[in-house]
Amino acid sequence: MLASEDRFDAVPAEPNGTAVLLLAGSSGRVERERAELLSTTGARVRAIRWFGGADQRPSPHEVPLELFAGQIGELRRDADRVVLFGTSFGAEAVLTTAAHATVDGVIAVAPSSVVWAGAHDGAWSSHWTLGGRPLPFVAFDVSWNPQSDPPAFVSLYEASLRLDAAETDAARIPVENIAGEVLLIAGGDDQVWPSVRFATEIEAVRTDHDLPTTIVTHPGAGHRLLLPGEPPAAGGVRMLRGGTPEADAELGARAWPEIRRLLCDGALAPRG
């Protein structure tokens, strides 16, 4: 059971039978405003804090997937469909969770196709555990040095993927296990990690398995998505994220019809 300060429920006036579990990324915040926006589709939305809260892991390090599975179970009691919506580390979380639990759809903003390393008290391990065991993960290239201030981490992630092909393959999220629709939203100027590359990799695997998948991109957008009416985000970890408020909002405008379709009636169809 999550503490009250670590969750927020947005309940629409006329529920459509869909429930959404909403996860932020490295900010660790509870995305109340986005939950309210998504609830205008008729979906009930629960935004949660998944690290740094009461009785939670202090950072994205060995976070149990059972945390998310438990929330899915609670939401399914009062919903016909459950959709997961996550951004950045939260996108990695929802894709990994959906590969091991039954959901009806996934919306992944700035996604990753692999599980990454996380640190706590100087110890490195997987972002996620399942059944108490850390999932395979991609370790970081310790020889990497930032070339800008604030740093753009995209080259770190790209270099780390090349370190050990077997390790990278073992850390791949088995997205072919996600039976529901998957919507991937990525900016072509993402300076945090190569989210368009990751989205394309996910789409390729799922296409090979005839699973419905859609990618929405914008070449000038960065790591953050601005949905209609959302102001530019502030705060979070100090880094370059790429994009501009205008391009990030254009990506949001492109993505919003797809998001509405998935949350309203699940009629998301794969694009050729």
Protein backbone atom coordinates (compact mmCIF):
# COMPACT_ATOMS: atom_id res chain seq x y z
CA MET A 1 0.00 0.00 0.00
CA LEU A 2 1.41 3.38 -1.03
CA ALA A 3 1.46 6.27 1.42
CA SER A 4 -1.05 9.01 0.59
CA GLU A 5 1.72 11.46 -0.28
CA ASP A 6 3.15 8.99 -2.80
CA ARG A 7 0.05 8.66 -4.95
CA PHE A 8 -2.55 10.80 -6.64
CA ASP A 9 -5.79 9.62 -8.26
CA ALA A 10 -7.50 11.63 -10.99
CA VAL A 11 -11.06 10.38 -11.44
CA PRO A 12 -13.05 11.53 -14.49
CA ALA A 13 -16.67 12.58 -14.27
CA GLU A 14 -17.63 9.84 -16.75
CA PRO A 15 -15.20 6.90 -16.49
CA ASN A 16 -14.70 4.90 -19.68
CA GLY A 17 -13.45 1.70 -18.04
CA THR A 18 -9.73 2.36 -18.57
CA ALA A 19 -7.29 2.86 -15.69
CA VAL A 20 -3.80 4.31 -16.11
CA LEU A 21 -0.74 3.87 -13.91
CA LEU A 22 1.43 6.97 -14.47
CA LEU A 23 5.16 7.03 -13.68
CA ALA A 24 7.60 9.93 -13.86
CA GLY A 25 11.30 9.51 -14.61
CA SER A 26 14.37 10.48 -12.61
CA SER A 27 12.59 13.47 -11.03
CA GLY A 28 10.76 11.01 -8.79
CA ARG A 29 7.74 13.29 -8.63
CA VAL A 30 4.06 12.38 -8.55
CA GLU A 31 2.73 13.72 -11.86
CA ARG A 32 -0.54 15.22 -10.62
CA GLU A 33 -1.05 17.72 -13.46
CA ARG A 34 -0.46 15.13 -16.18
CA ALA A 35 -2.80 12.73 -14.38
CA GLU A 36 -5.54 15.35 -14.47
CA LEU A 37 -4.93 15.95 -18.18
CA LEU A 38 -5.05 12.25 -19.03
CA SER A 39 -8.26 11.86 -17.04
CA THR A 40 -10.01 14.19 -19.51
CA THR A 41 -10.04 11.18 -21.88
CA GLY A 42 -12.36 9.37 -19.47
CA ALA A 43 -9.61 7.22 -17.99
CA ARG A 44 -9.03 6.95 -14.26
CA VAL A 45 -5.38 7.83 -13.65
CA ARG A 46 -3.15 6.97 -10.71
CA ALA A 47 0.18 8.79 -10.57
CA ILE A 48 2.66 7.32 -8.10
CA ARG A 49 6.10 7.97 -6.69
CA TRP A 50 8.14 4.81 -7.21
CA PHE A 51 11.36 5.67 -5.42
CA GLY A 52 12.27 8.04 -2.61
CA GLY A 53 8.89 7.71 -0.90
CA ALA A 54 7.75 6.04 2.29
CA ASP A 55 9.12 2.49 2.56
CA GLN A 56 10.52 2.75 -0.98
CA ARG A 57 13.97 2.38 -2.45
CA PRO A 58 15.84 5.69 -2.08
CA SER A 59 16.83 5.82 -5.76
CA PRO A 60 16.21 3.98 -9.07
CA HIS A 61 18.25 1.01 -7.84
CA GLU A 62 16.84 -2.50 -7.39
CA VAL A 63 13.25 -1.27 -7.42
CA PRO A 64 10.94 -4.33 -7.25
CA LEU A 65 8.66 -4.76 -10.24
CA GLU A 66 6.15 -6.13 -7.75
CA LEU A 67 5.53 -2.50 -6.71
CA PHE A 68 4.02 -1.81 -10.13
CA ALA A 69 2.33 -5.20 -10.42
CA GLY A 70 0.54 -4.53 -7.13
CA GLN A 71 -0.77 -1.22 -8.45
CA ILE A 72 -1.96 -2.92 -11.64
CA GLY A 73 -3.88 -5.40 -9.52
CA GLU A 74 -5.53 -2.64 -7.51
CA LEU A 75 -6.53 -0.68 -10.61
CA ARG A 76 -7.93 -3.74 -12.35
CA ARG A 77 -10.50 -4.24 -9.57
CA ASP A 78 -12.47 -1.26 -10.89
CA ALA A 79 -11.41 -1.12 -14.55
CA ASP A 80 -11.93 -3.10 -17.73
CA ARG A 81 -8.51 -2.15 -19.08
CA VAL A 82 -5.19 -1.10 -17.51
CA VAL A 83 -2.65 0.98 -19.40
CA LEU A 84 0.83 1.91 -18.16
CA PHE A 85 2.25 5.37 -18.97
CA GLY A 86 5.88 6.19 -18.16
CA THR A 87 8.58 8.68 -19.10
CA SER A 88 12.34 8.03 -19.33
CA PHE A 89 13.25 5.75 -16.38
CA GLY A 90 9.47 5.48 -15.93
CA ALA A 91 9.19 4.31 -19.56
CA GLU A 92 11.84 1.68 -18.86
CA ALA A 93 9.79 0.68 -15.82
CA VAL A 94 6.47 0.31 -17.64
CA LEU A 95 7.95 -1.63 -20.55
CA THR A 96 9.80 -3.99 -18.21
CA THR A 97 6.74 -4.43 -15.99
CA ALA A 98 4.44 -5.08 -18.95
CA ALA A 99 6.83 -7.76 -20.20
CA HIS A 100 6.20 -9.66 -16.94
CA ALA A 101 2.58 -8.72 -16.09
CA THR A 102 -0.68 -8.57 -18.00
CA VAL A 103 -1.66 -5.09 -19.19
CA ASP A 104 -3.81 -3.79 -22.02
CA GLY A 105 -1.47 -1.13 -23.29
CA VAL A 106 1.76 0.78 -22.71
CA ILE A 107 2.63 4.40 -23.46
CA ALA A 108 6.40 4.93 -23.22
CA VAL A 109 7.81 8.45 -23.57
CA ALA A 110 11.56 8.62 -24.27
CA PRO A 111 11.74 4.82 -23.91
CA SER A 112 14.65 2.45 -23.46
CA SER A 113 14.91 -0.97 -25.09
CA VAL A 114 17.20 -2.29 -22.33
CA VAL A 115 17.44 -2.28 -18.54
CA TRP A 116 20.05 0.09 -17.14
CA ALA A 117 22.31 0.23 -14.11
CA GLY A 118 21.45 2.27 -11.04
CA ALA A 119 23.56 3.21 -8.03
CA HIS A 120 22.95 3.48 -4.29
CA ASP A 121 25.66 4.20 -1.71
CA GLY A 122 28.30 3.56 -4.36
CA ALA A 123 26.96 0.10 -5.24
CA TRP A 124 25.84 -0.51 -8.83
CA SER A 125 23.10 -2.93 -9.76
CA SER A 126 20.00 -3.19 -11.92
CA HIS A 127 17.23 -0.61 -11.88
CA TRP A 128 14.76 -3.47 -11.24
CA THR A 129 14.34 -6.70 -9.35
CA LEU A 130 11.84 -9.50 -9.89
CA GLY A 131 11.26 -12.09 -7.21
CA GLY A 132 14.05 -10.45 -5.21
CA ARG A 133 16.65 -10.92 -7.97
CA PRO A 134 18.15 -8.05 -9.98
CA LEU A 135 17.33 -8.17 -13.67
CA PRO A 136 20.23 -8.19 -16.16
CA PHE A 137 21.37 -4.65 -16.93
CA VAL A 138 23.75 -2.61 -19.06
CA ALA A 139 26.66 -1.22 -17.03
CA PHE A 140 28.05 2.24 -17.79
CA ASP A 141 31.30 2.99 -19.58
CA VAL A 142 33.51 4.25 -16.73
CA SER A 143 35.94 5.81 -19.22
CA TRP A 144 33.32 8.28 -20.47
CA ASN A 145 33.73 11.97 -19.75
CA PRO A 146 31.15 14.69 -20.44
CA GLN A 147 31.92 17.12 -23.24
CA SER A 148 29.55 19.87 -22.09
CA ASP A 149 28.32 21.61 -18.96
CA PRO A 150 25.61 20.71 -18.12
CA PRO A 151 26.35 17.26 -19.49
CA ALA A 152 24.61 15.58 -22.42
CA PHE A 153 24.49 11.90 -21.47
CA VAL A 154 23.41 10.48 -24.83
CA SER A 155 27.00 9.59 -25.79
CA LEU A 156 27.46 7.80 -22.44
CA TYR A 157 24.46 5.58 -23.09
CA GLU A 158 25.56 4.91 -26.67
CA ALA A 159 29.10 4.03 -25.57
CA SER A 160 27.81 1.78 -22.78
CA LEU A 161 25.67 -0.19 -25.24
CA ARG A 162 28.85 -1.03 -27.20
CA LEU A 163 30.88 -2.28 -24.24
CA ASP A 164 29.66 -5.88 -24.13
CA ALA A 165 27.30 -7.20 -26.80
CA ALA A 166 26.31 -10.22 -24.71
CA GLU A 167 25.54 -8.05 -21.68
CA THR A 168 23.49 -5.65 -23.78
CA ASP A 169 21.54 -8.52 -25.33
CA ALA A 170 20.86 -10.06 -21.90
CA ALA A 171 19.54 -6.69 -20.67
CA ARG A 172 17.09 -6.31 -23.56
CA ILE A 173 13.52 -5.81 -22.38
CA PRO A 174 11.46 -8.73 -23.81
CA VAL A 175 8.85 -6.46 -25.39
CA GLU A 176 7.53 -9.39 -27.44
CA ASN A 177 5.88 -10.53 -24.19
CA ILE A 178 3.68 -7.41 -24.08
CA ALA A 179 0.38 -8.54 -25.58
CA GLY A 180 -1.32 -5.15 -25.46
CA GLU A 181 -0.73 -2.15 -27.69
CA VAL A 182 2.52 -0.21 -27.29
CA LEU A 183 2.81 3.50 -28.12
CA LEU A 184 6.35 4.89 -28.22
CA ILE A 185 6.98 8.66 -28.16
CA ALA A 186 10.50 9.96 -28.78
CA GLY A 187 12.33 13.16 -29.67
CA GLY A 188 14.99 13.17 -32.37
CA ASP A 189 17.09 15.69 -30.42
CA ASP A 190 17.03 13.71 -27.16
CA GLN A 191 20.35 14.48 -25.43
CA VAL A 192 19.77 12.16 -22.46
CA TRP A 193 19.70 8.82 -24.25
CA PRO A 194 18.99 7.67 -27.84
CA SER A 195 15.24 7.29 -27.42
CA VAL A 196 14.42 7.18 -31.16
CA ARG A 197 16.93 4.35 -31.59
CA PHE A 198 15.40 2.52 -28.63
CA ALA A 199 11.87 3.04 -29.96
CA THR A 200 12.89 1.70 -33.37
CA GLU A 201 14.48 -1.37 -31.77
CA ILE A 202 11.34 -2.06 -29.75
CA GLU A 203 9.12 -1.62 -32.80
CA ALA A 204 11.27 -4.01 -34.86
CA VAL A 205 11.03 -6.79 -32.29
CA ARG A 206 7.29 -6.39 -31.88
CA THR A 207 6.71 -6.18 -35.63
CA ASP A 208 8.49 -9.52 -36.00
CA HIS A 209 5.87 -10.91 -33.58
CA ASP A 210 2.91 -9.19 -35.30
CA LEU A 211 2.21 -7.07 -32.22
CA PRO A 212 0.57 -3.62 -32.51
CA THR A 213 3.11 -0.86 -32.05
CA THR A 214 3.20 2.81 -33.04
CA ILE A 215 6.05 5.33 -32.89
CA VAL A 216 5.47 9.08 -32.74
CA THR A 217 8.56 11.26 -33.20
CA HIS A 218 9.63 14.83 -33.93
CA PRO A 219 13.17 15.55 -35.15
CA GLY A 220 13.58 18.69 -33.05
CA ALA A 221 12.06 17.46 -29.78
CA GLY A 222 14.15 16.47 -26.80
CA HIS A 223 13.81 14.11 -23.86
CA ARG A 224 10.76 15.81 -22.36
CA LEU A 225 7.27 15.72 -23.82
CA LEU A 226 4.83 18.61 -23.57
CA LEU A 227 1.24 17.50 -24.01
CA PRO A 228 -1.41 20.08 -25.00
CA GLY A 229 -1.70 22.73 -22.29
CA GLU A 230 1.35 21.56 -20.32
CA PRO A 231 3.95 24.23 -19.43
CA PRO A 232 7.67 23.54 -19.97
CA ALA A 233 8.98 21.39 -17.13
CA ALA A 234 11.57 22.72 -14.73
CA GLY A 235 13.89 21.10 -12.22
CA GLY A 236 15.08 17.53 -12.13
CA VAL A 237 18.63 16.25 -12.51
CA ARG A 238 20.97 18.84 -14.02
CA MET A 239 21.65 17.78 -17.63
CA LEU A 240 21.06 18.71 -21.24
CA ARG A 241 17.78 17.25 -22.46
CA GLY A 242 17.68 18.61 -25.99
CA GLY A 243 14.74 20.01 -27.91
CA THR A 244 12.96 23.31 -27.44
CA PRO A 245 9.64 24.09 -25.76
CA GLU A 246 8.13 24.58 -29.22
CA ALA A 247 9.39 21.27 -30.63
CA ASP A 248 8.54 19.37 -27.43
CA ALA A 249 5.00 20.78 -27.67
CA GLU A 250 4.78 19.81 -31.35
CA LEU A 251 5.72 16.25 -30.40
CA GLY A 252 3.00 16.37 -27.76
CA ALA A 253 0.47 17.58 -30.31
CA ARG A 254 1.39 14.68 -32.61
CA ALA A 255 1.21 12.16 -29.78
CA TRP A 256 -2.01 13.35 -28.14
CA PRO A 257 -4.44 11.80 -30.68
CA GLU A 258 -2.69 8.45 -30.32
CA ILE A 259 -2.77 8.70 -26.52
CA ARG A 260 -6.47 9.56 -26.57
CA ARG A 261 -7.25 6.65 -28.87
CA LEU A 262 -5.44 4.16 -26.64
CA LEU A 263 -7.01 5.50 -23.45
CA CYS A 264 -10.50 6.00 -24.84
CA ASP A 265 -11.14 2.71 -26.60
CA GLY A 266 -7.89 0.83 -27.17
CA ALA A 267 -8.23 1.26 -30.92
CA LEU A 268 -4.54 1.92 -31.43
CA ALA A 269 -3.51 0.37 -34.70
CA PRO A 270 0.03 -0.32 -35.90
CA ARG A 271 1.37 1.98 -38.61
CA GLY A 272 2.93 0.48 -41.69
